[in-house]
Amino acid sequence: METVVGSRARSDIREFIQAKFPGARFTDSDDIFGLGFATSLFAMQLVMFVEQRFGFQVDNDDLDLANFRSVDAMAALVARAAPAAVEQGVAGGTGA
């Protein structure tokens, strides 16, 4: 069962990608890099977006393209990492 954090992350991440690529068609499970519209530069933008939006720093071990290939993968990363960061007092969160 998906957590509230994971559900919110999925929606926010999807909206971020759609804003950057208005005509792109993709599902939450699609490999956005495999589809050809996302690049390595966009991968960096995704990392920064996730960190800023969800208030935690992506750990070096999680800086793996597999964690950023799809909306599903990114939402799972946020669901794992954001609650842990809050518990450790690391997450700032935007509350938006």
C-alpha atoms as a PDB file:
ATOM      1  CA  MET A   1       0.000   0.000   0.000  1.00  0.00           C
ATOM      2  CA  GLU A   2       1.348   3.412  -0.960  1.00  0.00           C
ATOM      3  CA  THR A   3       2.027   5.938   1.784  1.00  0.00           C
ATOM      4  CA  VAL A   4       0.707   9.491   1.802  1.00  0.00           C
ATOM      5  CA  VAL A   5       4.281  10.671   1.205  1.00  0.00           C
ATOM      6  CA  GLY A   6       4.641   8.341  -1.782  1.00  0.00           C
ATOM      7  CA  SER A   7       1.310   9.409  -3.259  1.00  0.00           C
ATOM      8  CA  ARG A   8       2.096  13.106  -2.885  1.00  0.00           C
ATOM      9  CA  ALA A   9       5.576  12.551  -4.295  1.00  0.00           C
ATOM     10  CA  ARG A  10       4.167  10.727  -7.322  1.00  0.00           C
ATOM     11  CA  SER A  11       1.824  13.612  -8.116  1.00  0.00           C
ATOM     12  CA  ASP A  12       4.424  16.353  -7.547  1.00  0.00           C
ATOM     13  CA  ILE A  13       7.108  14.565  -9.581  1.00  0.00           C
ATOM     14  CA  ARG A  14       4.720  13.902 -12.467  1.00  0.00           C
ATOM     15  CA  GLU A  15       3.727  17.588 -12.524  1.00  0.00           C
ATOM     16  CA  PHE A  16       7.396  18.670 -12.474  1.00  0.00           C
ATOM     17  CA  ILE A  17       8.240  16.457 -15.465  1.00  0.00           C
ATOM     18  CA  GLN A  18       5.133  17.536 -17.388  1.00  0.00           C
ATOM     19  CA  ALA A  19       6.007  21.203 -16.810  1.00  0.00           C
ATOM     20  CA  LYS A  20       9.499  20.634 -18.248  1.00  0.00           C
ATOM     21  CA  PHE A  21       8.270  18.527 -21.197  1.00  0.00           C
ATOM     22  CA  PRO A  22       4.720  19.784 -21.966  1.00  0.00           C
ATOM     23  CA  GLY A  23       4.089  17.523 -24.971  1.00  0.00           C
ATOM     24  CA  ALA A  24       5.643  14.366 -23.557  1.00  0.00           C
ATOM     25  CA  ARG A  25       3.434  11.338 -23.029  1.00  0.00           C
ATOM     26  CA  PHE A  26       4.479   8.887 -20.348  1.00  0.00           C
ATOM     27  CA  THR A  27       3.102   6.739 -17.563  1.00  0.00           C
ATOM     28  CA  ASP A  28       4.390   6.602 -14.007  1.00  0.00           C
ATOM     29  CA  SER A  29       6.243   3.376 -14.793  1.00  0.00           C
ATOM     30  CA  ASP A  30       7.834   4.532 -18.076  1.00  0.00           C
ATOM     31  CA  ASP A  31      11.608   4.987 -18.249  1.00  0.00           C
ATOM     32  CA  ILE A  32      11.768   8.714 -18.996  1.00  0.00           C
ATOM     33  CA  PHE A  33      15.382   8.396 -20.130  1.00  0.00           C
ATOM     34  CA  GLY A  34      14.556   5.451 -22.379  1.00  0.00           C
ATOM     35  CA  LEU A  35      11.802   7.518 -23.998  1.00  0.00           C
ATOM     36  CA  GLY A  36      14.489   9.977 -25.067  1.00  0.00           C
ATOM     37  CA  PHE A  37      13.237  13.262 -23.694  1.00  0.00           C
ATOM     38  CA  ALA A  38      15.121  13.221 -20.387  1.00  0.00           C
ATOM     39  CA  THR A  39      18.895  13.772 -20.353  1.00  0.00           C
ATOM     40  CA  SER A  40      21.714  13.620 -17.820  1.00  0.00           C
ATOM     41  CA  LEU A  41      21.275  17.354 -17.232  1.00  0.00           C
ATOM     42  CA  PHE A  42      17.608  16.738 -16.473  1.00  0.00           C
ATOM     43  CA  ALA A  43      18.662  13.984 -14.051  1.00  0.00           C
ATOM     44  CA  MET A  44      20.515  16.642 -12.051  1.00  0.00           C
ATOM     45  CA  GLN A  45      17.408  18.842 -12.121  1.00  0.00           C
ATOM     46  CA  LEU A  46      15.345  15.917 -10.835  1.00  0.00           C
ATOM     47  CA  VAL A  47      17.738  15.352  -7.929  1.00  0.00           C
ATOM     48  CA  MET A  48      17.603  19.040  -6.999  1.00  0.00           C
ATOM     49  CA  PHE A  49      13.801  19.109  -7.310  1.00  0.00           C
ATOM     50  CA  VAL A  50      13.366  16.034  -5.108  1.00  0.00           C
ATOM     51  CA  GLU A  51      15.750  17.404  -2.472  1.00  0.00           C
ATOM     52  CA  GLN A  52      14.142  20.836  -2.380  1.00  0.00           C
ATOM     53  CA  ARG A  53      10.533  19.728  -2.669  1.00  0.00           C
ATOM     54  CA  PHE A  54      10.664  16.938  -0.110  1.00  0.00           C
ATOM     55  CA  GLY A  55      13.251  18.418   2.243  1.00  0.00           C
ATOM     56  CA  PHE A  56      16.001  15.829   2.329  1.00  0.00           C
ATOM     57  CA  GLN A  57      19.390  15.307   0.741  1.00  0.00           C
ATOM     58  CA  VAL A  58      19.628  12.365  -1.630  1.00  0.00           C
ATOM     59  CA  ASP A  59      22.253  10.062  -0.156  1.00  0.00           C
ATOM     60  CA  ASN A  60      25.249   9.176  -2.334  1.00  0.00           C
ATOM     61  CA  ASP A  61      24.103   5.541  -2.328  1.00  0.00           C
ATOM     62  CA  ASP A  62      20.781   6.663  -3.825  1.00  0.00           C
ATOM     63  CA  LEU A  63      22.380   8.716  -6.621  1.00  0.00           C
ATOM     64  CA  ASP A  64      21.709   5.880  -9.020  1.00  0.00           C
ATOM     65  CA  LEU A  65      19.913   6.490 -12.312  1.00  0.00           C
ATOM     66  CA  ALA A  66      17.617   3.581 -11.464  1.00  0.00           C
ATOM     67  CA  ASN A  67      16.096   5.734  -8.700  1.00  0.00           C
ATOM     68  CA  PHE A  68      15.248   8.484 -11.210  1.00  0.00           C
ATOM     69  CA  ARG A  69      14.200   6.549 -14.339  1.00  0.00           C
ATOM     70  CA  SER A  70      10.473   6.723 -13.645  1.00  0.00           C
ATOM     71  CA  VAL A  71       7.910   8.552 -11.555  1.00  0.00           C
ATOM     72  CA  ASP A  72       7.369   5.274  -9.680  1.00  0.00           C
ATOM     73  CA  ALA A  73      11.074   4.941  -8.842  1.00  0.00           C
ATOM     74  CA  MET A  74      11.356   8.544  -7.643  1.00  0.00           C
ATOM     75  CA  ALA A  75       8.198   8.277  -5.530  1.00  0.00           C
ATOM     76  CA  ALA A  76       9.585   5.115  -3.929  1.00  0.00           C
ATOM     77  CA  LEU A  77      12.864   6.907  -3.165  1.00  0.00           C
ATOM     78  CA  VAL A  78      10.995   9.796  -1.539  1.00  0.00           C
ATOM     79  CA  ALA A  79       8.780   7.410   0.444  1.00  0.00           C
ATOM     80  CA  ARG A  80      11.920   5.668   1.768  1.00  0.00           C
ATOM     81  CA  ALA A  81      14.168   8.656   2.351  1.00  0.00           C
ATOM     82  CA  ALA A  82      11.924  11.559   3.359  1.00  0.00           C
ATOM     83  CA  PRO A  83      10.453   9.938   6.502  1.00  0.00           C
ATOM     84  CA  ALA A  84      13.940   8.829   7.601  1.00  0.00           C
ATOM     85  CA  ALA A  85      15.247  12.366   7.127  1.00  0.00           C
ATOM     86  CA  VAL A  86      12.377  13.764   9.206  1.00  0.00           C
ATOM     87  CA  GLU A  87      13.100  11.277  11.994  1.00  0.00           C
ATOM     88  CA  GLN A  88      16.779  12.273  11.970  1.00  0.00           C
ATOM     89  CA  GLY A  89      15.920  15.972  11.988  1.00  0.00           C
ATOM     90  CA  VAL A  90      17.483  16.480   8.553  1.00  0.00           C
ATOM     91  CA  ALA A  91      14.428  17.295   6.456  1.00  0.00           C
ATOM     92  CA  GLY A  92      13.399  20.879   6.122  1.00  0.00           C
ATOM     93  CA  GLY A  93      10.336  20.247   4.004  1.00  0.00           C
ATOM     94  CA  THR A  94       8.577  22.961   2.108  1.00  0.00           C
ATOM     95  CA  GLY A  95       5.116  22.237   3.375  1.00  0.00           C
ATOM     96  CA  ALA A  96       3.740  23.210  -0.026  1.00  0.00           C
END
